[in-house]
Amino acid sequence: MFDGFELTRREGNGVGLRVRHGGSGPAVLLLHGHPRTHATWHRVAPMLAAAGHTVVCPDLRGYGESDKPPTDARHSPYAKRAMAGDCLEVMRGLGHDRFAVVGHDRGAYVATRLALDHPEAVSAVSVLDAVPIGEALRRCDAGFAARWWHWFFLGQTDKPAERVINADPDAWYKATAEQMGAEAYDDYRRAIHDPATVHAMCEDYRAGLGIDREHDDADRRAGRRIGCPVQVLWATRDDMTDLYGDVPGVWRDWVAGRLDGAPIDSGHHIAEDAPEALATALLGFWRSGAEHGPGVTRATGRHT
C-alpha cells in the first residue's frame, strides 16, 4: 500500500497529523471523508504520483492516527476552518505554497474551506459527493433528513451517538476488506474501534451543524466565492442527483470562475470503487489548465 510513499507525522496548526506523501511535481492534497483515513486513497495516490504529481494524504484531525484535541461548547476545534488550517500548515511544512485540493465527503468541506479562507494557496479544487455544508442545510427537507439522518444523530450532544457506535463499531460502520483492500481495511478498523476517534468524528458532525454552517452563511452574505477552478464529481450509485438534481448547479453561486462537473460510475467511496476513473477525471481537469488557478484562459464560468 502506497509503494514509494513516506509515512510521517507533521505539525499543522498546533495539531499533529499522520501524513503519507510521495511523488514529485505539482502538489496535490487528498482529503478523506468519514469514517475513513488517508488510506482510502491508496489506489488513487500512486496513479497521480506516476502521472507527475507530488501527492499528500493526511488523516484529518480527529481521524485515524492524527491528534484529537479537546473540544469546546461550540465544537470549534473540529470546525472545517480549523482542519483547513492544519492542512495548510502541513503543506507549507512540506514546501508546497500552492497546490490543488481533492476532498471527498467530509474532506470536501475542508477543501471548500481551504479555498475560501486561503485562496492564495489553492490552485484548483475537486469535490467528491458533496455540496457546501451551509447549502445542504439551507436546502434540507424531509427527503434529506430521511437519507442523511446520520448528520443529526451524530450531531447530538444530549444523547451522544458515541455510546451506540462503540457498542459495536463493525455493525455501525459497514465496510469490507474486498472493497477497501486488506491494509486499508485494517487501518480503518483500528480507527473505528478507538473510542477517542469515534468521539472526534462525532465532533466533526457537531461542528458541521453549528459553527461550520455559520462560516458558510457568513461567506454567502459577504458574497465570497471560490476563485480557483472547481471540479464537482459525484457517484452514480449514491444519492446526490436524487437530492439535488443538477449537482454542479448547486455550486454555481459558490464559484467565481470555471466550474466543471461529471458523474462517475461508482458507489459513494469513489476512490475505492472507481480509482482509475477518478484518477483520469482529476488528471484531465488539471491538464486542461485548472492547476494554473483563477486566471486560466479556459475559465468559462459555466459547468459541463
C-alpha atoms as a PDB file:
ATOM      1  CA  MET A   1       0.000   0.000   0.000  1.00  0.00           C
ATOM      2  CA  PHE A   2       1.371   3.411  -1.082  1.00  0.00           C
ATOM      3  CA  ASP A   3       4.536   1.874  -2.525  1.00  0.00           C
ATOM      4  CA  GLY A   4       7.271   4.530  -2.633  1.00  0.00           C
ATOM      5  CA  PHE A   5       5.418   6.923  -0.304  1.00  0.00           C
ATOM      6  CA  GLU A   6       6.743   8.153   3.043  1.00  0.00           C
ATOM      7  CA  LEU A   7       4.640   7.927   6.211  1.00  0.00           C
ATOM      8  CA  THR A   8       5.359  10.710   8.712  1.00  0.00           C
ATOM      9  CA  ARG A   9       3.825  12.882  11.411  1.00  0.00           C
ATOM     10  CA  ARG A  10       3.648  16.584  10.701  1.00  0.00           C
ATOM     11  CA  GLU A  11       2.606  19.528  12.843  1.00  0.00           C
ATOM     12  CA  GLY A  12      -0.251  21.545  11.429  1.00  0.00           C
ATOM     13  CA  ASN A  13      -1.792  24.475  13.267  1.00  0.00           C
ATOM     14  CA  GLY A  14      -0.647  23.033  16.601  1.00  0.00           C
ATOM     15  CA  VAL A  15      -2.086  19.576  15.880  1.00  0.00           C
ATOM     16  CA  GLY A  16      -0.087  16.503  14.906  1.00  0.00           C
ATOM     17  CA  LEU A  17      -1.298  14.790  11.748  1.00  0.00           C
ATOM     18  CA  ARG A  18      -0.357  11.427  10.283  1.00  0.00           C
ATOM     19  CA  VAL A  19       0.658  12.154   6.700  1.00  0.00           C
ATOM     20  CA  ARG A  20       1.534   9.980   3.708  1.00  0.00           C
ATOM     21  CA  HIS A  21       3.313  11.705   0.819  1.00  0.00           C
ATOM     22  CA  GLY A  22       5.210  10.780  -2.310  1.00  0.00           C
ATOM     23  CA  GLY A  23       5.899  11.586  -5.945  1.00  0.00           C
ATOM     24  CA  SER A  24       7.260  14.769  -7.476  1.00  0.00           C
ATOM     25  CA  GLY A  25       5.857  17.645  -9.474  1.00  0.00           C
ATOM     26  CA  PRO A  26       2.856  19.936  -8.837  1.00  0.00           C
ATOM     27  CA  ALA A  27       1.425  19.210  -5.406  1.00  0.00           C
ATOM     28  CA  VAL A  28      -1.992  17.680  -4.741  1.00  0.00           C
ATOM     29  CA  LEU A  29      -3.633  17.364  -1.313  1.00  0.00           C
ATOM     30  CA  LEU A  30      -6.116  14.473  -0.932  1.00  0.00           C
ATOM     31  CA  LEU A  31      -8.628  14.739   1.933  1.00  0.00           C
ATOM     32  CA  HIS A  32     -10.666  11.719   3.022  1.00  0.00           C
ATOM     33  CA  GLY A  33     -14.201  11.548   4.368  1.00  0.00           C
ATOM     34  CA  HIS A  34     -15.994   9.893   7.264  1.00  0.00           C
ATOM     35  CA  PRO A  35     -15.203   7.346   8.682  1.00  0.00           C
ATOM     36  CA  ARG A  36     -12.137   6.701   6.535  1.00  0.00           C
ATOM     37  CA  THR A  37      -8.478   7.551   6.998  1.00  0.00           C
ATOM     38  CA  HIS A  38      -5.932   8.693   4.426  1.00  0.00           C
ATOM     39  CA  ALA A  39      -5.624   5.025   3.399  1.00  0.00           C
ATOM     40  CA  THR A  40      -8.821   5.381   1.361  1.00  0.00           C
ATOM     41  CA  TRP A  41      -6.614   6.971  -1.348  1.00  0.00           C
ATOM     42  CA  HIS A  42      -4.159   4.071  -1.630  1.00  0.00           C
ATOM     43  CA  ARG A  43      -5.346   3.093  -5.128  1.00  0.00           C
ATOM     44  CA  VAL A  44      -5.538   6.653  -6.473  1.00  0.00           C
ATOM     45  CA  ALA A  45      -2.459   8.331  -4.982  1.00  0.00           C
ATOM     46  CA  PRO A  46       0.124   6.160  -6.799  1.00  0.00           C
ATOM     47  CA  MET A  47      -1.582   6.852 -10.137  1.00  0.00           C
ATOM     48  CA  LEU A  48      -1.414  10.586  -9.546  1.00  0.00           C
ATOM     49  CA  ALA A  49       2.225  10.331  -8.482  1.00  0.00           C
ATOM     50  CA  ALA A  50       3.064   8.271 -11.581  1.00  0.00           C
ATOM     51  CA  ALA A  51       1.444  10.994 -13.697  1.00  0.00           C
ATOM     52  CA  GLY A  52       3.864  13.610 -12.349  1.00  0.00           C
ATOM     53  CA  HIS A  53       2.415  14.960  -9.102  1.00  0.00           C
ATOM     54  CA  THR A  54       3.531  15.206  -5.516  1.00  0.00           C
ATOM     55  CA  VAL A  55       0.678  13.658  -3.553  1.00  0.00           C
ATOM     56  CA  VAL A  56      -0.026  14.399   0.120  1.00  0.00           C
ATOM     57  CA  CYS A  57      -2.627  12.394   2.069  1.00  0.00           C
ATOM     58  CA  PRO A  58      -3.200  13.294   5.744  1.00  0.00           C
ATOM     59  CA  ASP A  59      -5.527  11.869   8.345  1.00  0.00           C
ATOM     60  CA  LEU A  60      -7.725  14.859   9.173  1.00  0.00           C
ATOM     61  CA  ARG A  61      -7.609  15.997  12.792  1.00  0.00           C
ATOM     62  CA  GLY A  62      -9.687  13.626  14.898  1.00  0.00           C
ATOM     63  CA  TYR A  63      -9.488  10.834  12.338  1.00  0.00           C
ATOM     64  CA  GLY A  64      -7.196   7.813  12.075  1.00  0.00           C
ATOM     65  CA  GLU A  65      -3.959   8.382  13.941  1.00  0.00           C
ATOM     66  CA  SER A  66      -3.992  12.189  13.871  1.00  0.00           C
ATOM     67  CA  ASP A  67      -4.360  14.148  17.108  1.00  0.00           C
ATOM     68  CA  LYS A  68      -7.762  14.552  18.711  1.00  0.00           C
ATOM     69  CA  PRO A  69      -7.744  17.900  20.532  1.00  0.00           C
ATOM     70  CA  PRO A  70     -10.212  18.563  23.374  1.00  0.00           C
ATOM     71  CA  THR A  71     -13.450  20.105  22.205  1.00  0.00           C
ATOM     72  CA  ASP A  72     -15.437  23.093  23.486  1.00  0.00           C
ATOM     73  CA  ALA A  73     -19.073  24.109  23.725  1.00  0.00           C
ATOM     74  CA  ARG A  74     -19.140  25.271  20.090  1.00  0.00           C
ATOM     75  CA  HIS A  75     -17.132  22.276  18.802  1.00  0.00           C
ATOM     76  CA  SER A  76     -14.779  24.797  17.214  1.00  0.00           C
ATOM     77  CA  PRO A  77     -11.666  22.559  17.404  1.00  0.00           C
ATOM     78  CA  TYR A  78     -13.432  20.378  14.813  1.00  0.00           C
ATOM     79  CA  ALA A  79     -14.590  23.196  12.560  1.00  0.00           C
ATOM     80  CA  LYS A  80     -13.578  22.808   8.929  1.00  0.00           C
ATOM     81  CA  ARG A  81     -11.766  26.116   9.272  1.00  0.00           C
ATOM     82  CA  ALA A  82      -9.505  24.532  11.898  1.00  0.00           C
ATOM     83  CA  MET A  83      -8.982  21.410   9.782  1.00  0.00           C
ATOM     84  CA  ALA A  84      -8.164  23.564   6.762  1.00  0.00           C
ATOM     85  CA  GLY A  85      -5.597  25.438   8.833  1.00  0.00           C
ATOM     86  CA  ASP A  86      -3.969  22.136   9.768  1.00  0.00           C
ATOM     87  CA  CYS A  87      -3.692  21.111   6.139  1.00  0.00           C
ATOM     88  CA  LEU A  88      -2.316  24.471   5.041  1.00  0.00           C
ATOM     89  CA  GLU A  89       0.479  24.299   7.616  1.00  0.00           C
ATOM     90  CA  VAL A  90       1.318  20.702   6.685  1.00  0.00           C
ATOM     91  CA  MET A  91       1.580  21.628   3.016  1.00  0.00           C
ATOM     92  CA  ARG A  92       3.747  24.643   3.775  1.00  0.00           C
ATOM     93  CA  GLY A  93       5.940  22.495   6.015  1.00  0.00           C
ATOM     94  CA  LEU A  94       6.454  20.116   3.092  1.00  0.00           C
ATOM     95  CA  GLY A  95       7.434  23.042   0.869  1.00  0.00           C
ATOM     96  CA  HIS A  96       4.190  23.500  -1.050  1.00  0.00           C
ATOM     97  CA  ASP A  97       2.896  27.069  -1.030  1.00  0.00           C
ATOM     98  CA  ARG A  98       0.326  26.450  -3.780  1.00  0.00           C
ATOM     99  CA  PHE A  99      -1.429  23.188  -4.526  1.00  0.00           C
ATOM    100  CA  ALA A 100      -4.570  21.511  -5.811  1.00  0.00           C
ATOM    101  CA  VAL A 101      -7.021  20.014  -3.315  1.00  0.00           C
ATOM    102  CA  VAL A 102      -9.285  16.984  -3.674  1.00  0.00           C
ATOM    103  CA  GLY A 103     -11.851  16.308  -0.951  1.00  0.00           C
ATOM    104  CA  HIS A 104     -14.356  13.517  -0.537  1.00  0.00           C
ATOM    105  CA  ASP A 105     -17.375  13.645   1.777  1.00  0.00           C
ATOM    106  CA  ARG A 106     -16.300  15.494   4.967  1.00  0.00           C
ATOM    107  CA  GLY A 107     -12.961  16.161   3.317  1.00  0.00           C
ATOM    108  CA  ALA A 108     -14.812  18.094   0.612  1.00  0.00           C
ATOM    109  CA  TYR A 109     -15.947  20.577   3.273  1.00  0.00           C
ATOM    110  CA  VAL A 110     -12.348  21.028   4.395  1.00  0.00           C
ATOM    111  CA  ALA A 111     -11.286  21.520   0.772  1.00  0.00           C
ATOM    112  CA  THR A 112     -14.013  24.140   0.308  1.00  0.00           C
ATOM    113  CA  ARG A 113     -12.948  25.972   3.447  1.00  0.00           C
ATOM    114  CA  LEU A 114      -9.295  25.894   2.336  1.00  0.00           C
ATOM    115  CA  ALA A 115     -10.224  27.517  -0.979  1.00  0.00           C
ATOM    116  CA  LEU A 116     -12.403  30.181   0.675  1.00  0.00           C
ATOM    117  CA  ASP A 117     -10.059  31.025   3.553  1.00  0.00           C
ATOM    118  CA  HIS A 118      -6.709  30.663   1.754  1.00  0.00           C
ATOM    119  CA  PRO A 119      -7.229  31.448  -1.943  1.00  0.00           C
ATOM    120  CA  GLU A 120      -3.566  32.273  -2.407  1.00  0.00           C
ATOM    121  CA  ALA A 121      -2.643  28.667  -1.626  1.00  0.00           C
ATOM    122  CA  VAL A 122      -5.222  26.691  -3.603  1.00  0.00           C
ATOM    123  CA  SER A 123      -4.832  26.362  -7.379  1.00  0.00           C
ATOM    124  CA  ALA A 124      -7.812  24.083  -8.023  1.00  0.00           C
ATOM    125  CA  VAL A 125     -10.467  22.241  -6.024  1.00  0.00           C
ATOM    126  CA  SER A 126     -12.151  18.911  -6.754  1.00  0.00           C
ATOM    127  CA  VAL A 127     -15.088  17.964  -4.521  1.00  0.00           C
ATOM    128  CA  LEU A 128     -16.491  14.440  -4.482  1.00  0.00           C
ATOM    129  CA  ASP A 129     -20.071  13.643  -3.471  1.00  0.00           C
ATOM    130  CA  ALA A 130     -20.696  16.896  -1.633  1.00  0.00           C
ATOM    131  CA  VAL A 131     -22.270  20.325  -1.723  1.00  0.00           C
ATOM    132  CA  PRO A 132     -21.284  23.038   0.788  1.00  0.00           C
ATOM    133  CA  ILE A 133     -22.485  22.335   4.333  1.00  0.00           C
ATOM    134  CA  GLY A 134     -24.380  25.605   4.524  1.00  0.00           C
ATOM    135  CA  GLU A 135     -26.059  24.859   1.204  1.00  0.00           C
ATOM    136  CA  ALA A 136     -27.052  21.332   2.270  1.00  0.00           C
ATOM    137  CA  LEU A 137     -28.619  22.585   5.500  1.00  0.00           C
ATOM    138  CA  ARG A 138     -30.347  25.506   3.794  1.00  0.00           C
ATOM    139  CA  ARG A 139     -31.958  23.086   1.321  1.00  0.00           C
ATOM    140  CA  CYS A 140     -32.696  20.433   3.944  1.00  0.00           C
ATOM    141  CA  ASP A 141     -36.134  18.870   3.568  1.00  0.00           C
ATOM    142  CA  ALA A 142     -37.838  15.624   4.575  1.00  0.00           C
ATOM    143  CA  GLY A 143     -36.033  13.730   1.828  1.00  0.00           C
ATOM    144  CA  PHE A 144     -32.621  14.916   3.023  1.00  0.00           C
ATOM    145  CA  ALA A 145     -33.489  14.171   6.646  1.00  0.00           C
ATOM    146  CA  ALA A 146     -34.616  10.644   5.743  1.00  0.00           C
ATOM    147  CA  ARG A 147     -31.499   9.852   3.703  1.00  0.00           C
ATOM    148  CA  TRP A 148     -28.892  11.734   5.738  1.00  0.00           C
ATOM    149  CA  TRP A 149     -30.378  11.334   9.204  1.00  0.00           C
ATOM    150  CA  HIS A 150     -26.924  10.369  10.477  1.00  0.00           C
ATOM    151  CA  TRP A 151     -25.907  14.050  10.294  1.00  0.00           C
ATOM    152  CA  PHE A 152     -28.398  14.837  13.046  1.00  0.00           C
ATOM    153  CA  PHE A 153     -27.804  11.649  15.028  1.00  0.00           C
ATOM    154  CA  LEU A 154     -24.035  12.098  15.109  1.00  0.00           C
ATOM    155  CA  GLY A 155     -24.501  15.792  15.872  1.00  0.00           C
ATOM    156  CA  GLN A 156     -26.480  15.220  19.078  1.00  0.00           C
ATOM    157  CA  THR A 157     -24.928  16.085  22.437  1.00  0.00           C
ATOM    158  CA  ASP A 158     -27.761  15.362  24.888  1.00  0.00           C
ATOM    159  CA  LYS A 159     -27.911  11.725  23.725  1.00  0.00           C
ATOM    160  CA  PRO A 160     -24.459  11.238  22.230  1.00  0.00           C
ATOM    161  CA  ALA A 161     -24.002   8.776  19.404  1.00  0.00           C
ATOM    162  CA  GLU A 162     -20.679   7.511  20.735  1.00  0.00           C
ATOM    163  CA  ARG A 163     -22.339   5.057  23.098  1.00  0.00           C
ATOM    164  CA  VAL A 164     -24.289   3.439  20.260  1.00  0.00           C
ATOM    165  CA  ILE A 165     -21.329   3.260  17.879  1.00  0.00           C
ATOM    166  CA  ASN A 166     -18.815   1.996  20.427  1.00  0.00           C
ATOM    167  CA  ALA A 167     -21.142  -0.859  21.394  1.00  0.00           C
ATOM    168  CA  ASP A 168     -20.448  -2.480  18.004  1.00  0.00           C
ATOM    169  CA  PRO A 169     -18.402  -0.369  15.559  1.00  0.00           C
ATOM    170  CA  ASP A 170     -18.356  -3.073  12.878  1.00  0.00           C
ATOM    171  CA  ALA A 171     -22.152  -3.210  12.841  1.00  0.00           C
ATOM    172  CA  TRP A 172     -22.432   0.580  12.631  1.00  0.00           C
ATOM    173  CA  TYR A 173     -19.716   1.137  10.031  1.00  0.00           C
ATOM    174  CA  LYS A 174     -20.144  -1.471   7.340  1.00  0.00           C
ATOM    175  CA  ALA A 175     -17.146  -1.832   5.042  1.00  0.00           C
ATOM    176  CA  THR A 176     -15.251  -4.834   3.726  1.00  0.00           C
ATOM    177  CA  ALA A 177     -11.648  -5.705   3.003  1.00  0.00           C
ATOM    178  CA  GLU A 178     -12.719  -6.611  -0.527  1.00  0.00           C
ATOM    179  CA  GLN A 179     -13.984  -3.082  -1.097  1.00  0.00           C
ATOM    180  CA  MET A 180     -11.144  -1.232   0.581  1.00  0.00           C
ATOM    181  CA  GLY A 181      -8.126  -3.515   0.225  1.00  0.00           C
ATOM    182  CA  ALA A 182      -6.774  -5.508   3.157  1.00  0.00           C
ATOM    183  CA  GLU A 183      -4.303  -2.948   4.525  1.00  0.00           C
ATOM    184  CA  ALA A 184      -6.657  -0.002   4.173  1.00  0.00           C
ATOM    185  CA  TYR A 185      -9.415  -2.026   5.824  1.00  0.00           C
ATOM    186  CA  ASP A 186      -7.176  -2.860   8.790  1.00  0.00           C
ATOM    187  CA  ASP A 187      -6.302   0.825   9.144  1.00  0.00           C
ATOM    188  CA  TYR A 188      -9.966   1.796   9.049  1.00  0.00           C
ATOM    189  CA  ARG A 189     -10.921  -0.838  11.644  1.00  0.00           C
ATOM    190  CA  ARG A 190      -8.253   0.383  14.054  1.00  0.00           C
ATOM    191  CA  ALA A 191      -9.780   3.829  13.756  1.00  0.00           C
ATOM    192  CA  ILE A 192     -13.427   2.909  14.288  1.00  0.00           C
ATOM    193  CA  HIS A 193     -12.548   0.732  17.294  1.00  0.00           C
ATOM    194  CA  ASP A 194     -10.858   3.664  19.050  1.00  0.00           C
ATOM    195  CA  PRO A 195     -13.437   5.489  21.222  1.00  0.00           C
ATOM    196  CA  ALA A 196     -11.384   8.693  21.035  1.00  0.00           C
ATOM    197  CA  THR A 197     -11.617   8.624  17.240  1.00  0.00           C
ATOM    198  CA  VAL A 198     -15.339   7.919  17.334  1.00  0.00           C
ATOM    199  CA  HIS A 199     -15.834  10.900  19.658  1.00  0.00           C
ATOM    200  CA  ALA A 200     -13.765  13.149  17.394  1.00  0.00           C
ATOM    201  CA  MET A 201     -15.699  12.036  14.317  1.00  0.00           C
ATOM    202  CA  CYS A 202     -18.950  12.940  16.064  1.00  0.00           C
ATOM    203  CA  GLU A 203     -17.448  16.309  16.951  1.00  0.00           C
ATOM    204  CA  ASP A 204     -16.838  16.826  13.220  1.00  0.00           C
ATOM    205  CA  TYR A 205     -20.601  16.486  12.653  1.00  0.00           C
ATOM    206  CA  ARG A 206     -21.480  18.663  15.649  1.00  0.00           C
ATOM    207  CA  ALA A 207     -19.288  21.385  14.218  1.00  0.00           C
ATOM    208  CA  GLY A 208     -20.994  20.870  10.866  1.00  0.00           C
ATOM    209  CA  LEU A 209     -24.433  21.638  12.249  1.00  0.00           C
ATOM    210  CA  GLY A 210     -23.257  24.777  14.023  1.00  0.00           C
ATOM    211  CA  ILE A 211     -20.025  26.661  13.524  1.00  0.00           C
ATOM    212  CA  ASP A 212     -19.356  25.325  10.013  1.00  0.00           C
ATOM    213  CA  ARG A 213     -22.761  26.477   8.835  1.00  0.00           C
ATOM    214  CA  GLU A 214     -22.120  29.864  10.431  1.00  0.00           C
ATOM    215  CA  HIS A 215     -18.907  30.197   8.449  1.00  0.00           C
ATOM    216  CA  ASP A 216     -20.592  29.180   5.197  1.00  0.00           C
ATOM    217  CA  ASP A 217     -23.532  31.508   5.773  1.00  0.00           C
ATOM    218  CA  ALA A 218     -21.179  34.407   6.551  1.00  0.00           C
ATOM    219  CA  ASP A 219     -19.378  33.813   3.257  1.00  0.00           C
ATOM    220  CA  ARG A 220     -22.651  33.780   1.335  1.00  0.00           C
ATOM    221  CA  ARG A 221     -23.792  37.062   2.934  1.00  0.00           C
ATOM    222  CA  ALA A 222     -20.449  38.649   2.087  1.00  0.00           C
ATOM    223  CA  GLY A 223     -20.597  37.384  -1.495  1.00  0.00           C
ATOM    224  CA  ARG A 224     -17.350  35.483  -1.019  1.00  0.00           C
ATOM    225  CA  ARG A 225     -16.804  32.758  -3.620  1.00  0.00           C
ATOM    226  CA  ILE A 226     -14.108  30.288  -4.622  1.00  0.00           C
ATOM    227  CA  GLY A 227     -11.802  31.977  -7.104  1.00  0.00           C
ATOM    228  CA  CYS A 228      -9.897  29.000  -8.470  1.00  0.00           C
ATOM    229  CA  PRO A 229     -11.347  26.422 -10.886  1.00  0.00           C
ATOM    230  CA  VAL A 230     -13.672  23.897  -9.249  1.00  0.00           C
ATOM    231  CA  GLN A 231     -14.475  20.345 -10.323  1.00  0.00           C
ATOM    232  CA  VAL A 232     -17.540  18.580  -8.934  1.00  0.00           C
ATOM    233  CA  LEU A 233     -17.661  14.776  -9.204  1.00  0.00           C
ATOM    234  CA  TRP A 234     -20.437  12.568  -7.915  1.00  0.00           C
ATOM    235  CA  ALA A 235     -21.118   8.845  -7.726  1.00  0.00           C
ATOM    236  CA  THR A 236     -23.909   7.478  -9.898  1.00  0.00           C
ATOM    237  CA  ARG A 237     -24.817   4.908  -7.247  1.00  0.00           C
ATOM    238  CA  ASP A 238     -25.176   7.444  -4.458  1.00  0.00           C
ATOM    239  CA  ASP A 239     -27.975   9.924  -3.822  1.00  0.00           C
ATOM    240  CA  MET A 240     -26.559  13.299  -4.894  1.00  0.00           C
ATOM    241  CA  THR A 241     -28.717  13.623  -8.007  1.00  0.00           C
ATOM    242  CA  ASP A 242     -31.781  12.392  -6.118  1.00  0.00           C
ATOM    243  CA  LEU A 243     -31.278  15.150  -3.566  1.00  0.00           C
ATOM    244  CA  TYR A 244     -30.093  17.984  -5.793  1.00  0.00           C
ATOM    245  CA  GLY A 245     -30.769  17.184  -9.435  1.00  0.00           C
ATOM    246  CA  ASP A 246     -28.142  19.358 -11.122  1.00  0.00           C
ATOM    247  CA  VAL A 247     -25.289  18.824  -8.660  1.00  0.00           C
ATOM    248  CA  PRO A 248     -22.803  21.279 -10.232  1.00  0.00           C
ATOM    249  CA  GLY A 249     -25.619  23.814 -10.410  1.00  0.00           C
ATOM    250  CA  VAL A 250     -25.790  23.832  -6.605  1.00  0.00           C
ATOM    251  CA  TRP A 251     -22.170  25.005  -6.624  1.00  0.00           C
ATOM    252  CA  ARG A 252     -22.693  27.785  -9.168  1.00  0.00           C
ATOM    253  CA  ASP A 253     -23.241  30.549  -6.607  1.00  0.00           C
ATOM    254  CA  TRP A 254     -20.148  29.418  -4.694  1.00  0.00           C
ATOM    255  CA  VAL A 255     -17.702  29.601  -7.605  1.00  0.00           C
ATOM    256  CA  ALA A 256     -16.462  32.764  -9.273  1.00  0.00           C
ATOM    257  CA  GLY A 257     -14.975  31.191 -12.386  1.00  0.00           C
ATOM    258  CA  ARG A 258     -14.582  27.841 -14.028  1.00  0.00           C
ATOM    259  CA  LEU A 259     -16.869  25.071 -12.785  1.00  0.00           C
ATOM    260  CA  ASP A 260     -16.731  21.559 -14.234  1.00  0.00           C
ATOM    261  CA  GLY A 261     -18.909  18.633 -13.260  1.00  0.00           C
ATOM    262  CA  ALA A 262     -19.243  14.959 -14.126  1.00  0.00           C
ATOM    263  CA  PRO A 263     -20.693  11.733 -12.712  1.00  0.00           C
ATOM    264  CA  ILE A 264     -18.530   8.683 -12.030  1.00  0.00           C
ATOM    265  CA  ASP A 265     -19.928   5.157 -12.174  1.00  0.00           C
ATOM    266  CA  SER A 266     -19.327   4.246  -8.544  1.00  0.00           C
ATOM    267  CA  GLY A 267     -20.712   3.912  -5.072  1.00  0.00           C
ATOM    268  CA  HIS A 268     -20.142   6.650  -2.502  1.00  0.00           C
ATOM    269  CA  HIS A 269     -16.494   5.786  -1.813  1.00  0.00           C
ATOM    270  CA  ILE A 270     -15.255   6.695  -5.282  1.00  0.00           C
ATOM    271  CA  ALA A 271     -11.542   6.365  -4.515  1.00  0.00           C
ATOM    272  CA  GLU A 272     -12.101   2.740  -3.515  1.00  0.00           C
ATOM    273  CA  ASP A 273     -14.774   1.745  -6.031  1.00  0.00           C
ATOM    274  CA  ALA A 274     -13.538   3.501  -9.190  1.00  0.00           C
ATOM    275  CA  PRO A 275      -9.923   4.611  -8.684  1.00  0.00           C
ATOM    276  CA  GLU A 276      -8.964   4.578 -12.370  1.00  0.00           C
ATOM    277  CA  ALA A 277     -11.971   6.654 -13.400  1.00  0.00           C
ATOM    278  CA  LEU A 278     -11.332   9.104 -10.573  1.00  0.00           C
ATOM    279  CA  ALA A 279      -7.637   9.494 -11.384  1.00  0.00           C
ATOM    280  CA  THR A 280      -8.484  10.023 -15.062  1.00  0.00           C
ATOM    281  CA  ALA A 281     -11.042  12.718 -14.201  1.00  0.00           C
ATOM    282  CA  LEU A 282      -8.665  14.544 -11.870  1.00  0.00           C
ATOM    283  CA  LEU A 283      -5.728  14.457 -14.256  1.00  0.00           C
ATOM    284  CA  GLY A 284      -7.885  15.629 -17.146  1.00  0.00           C
ATOM    285  CA  PHE A 285      -9.110  18.581 -15.084  1.00  0.00           C
ATOM    286  CA  TRP A 286      -5.605  19.634 -14.083  1.00  0.00           C
ATOM    287  CA  ARG A 287      -4.119  19.134 -17.551  1.00  0.00           C
ATOM    288  CA  SER A 288      -6.800  21.303 -19.094  1.00  0.00           C
ATOM    289  CA  GLY A 289      -5.369  24.279 -17.272  1.00  0.00           C
ATOM    290  CA  ALA A 290      -7.126  24.139 -13.925  1.00  0.00           C
ATOM    291  CA  GLU A 291      -3.912  23.975 -11.941  1.00  0.00           C
ATOM    292  CA  HIS A 292      -2.970  27.481 -13.077  1.00  0.00           C
ATOM    293  CA  GLY A 293      -5.662  28.997 -10.928  1.00  0.00           C
ATOM    294  CA  PRO A 294      -8.294  31.690 -11.437  1.00  0.00           C
ATOM    295  CA  GLY A 295      -6.555  33.338 -14.365  1.00  0.00           C
ATOM    296  CA  VAL A 296      -6.680  30.367 -16.746  1.00  0.00           C
ATOM    297  CA  THR A 297      -7.886  31.152 -20.246  1.00  0.00           C
ATOM    298  CA  ARG A 298     -10.256  28.192 -20.166  1.00  0.00           C
ATOM    299  CA  ALA A 299     -12.234  29.639 -17.282  1.00  0.00           C
ATOM    300  CA  THR A 300     -15.774  29.883 -18.620  1.00  0.00           C
ATOM    301  CA  GLY A 301     -17.976  30.418 -15.625  1.00  0.00           C
ATOM    302  CA  ARG A 302     -20.177  27.517 -16.613  1.00  0.00           C
ATOM    303  CA  HIS A 303     -20.432  23.860 -15.704  1.00  0.00           C
ATOM    304  CA  THR A 304     -20.386  20.952 -18.126  1.00  0.00           C
END
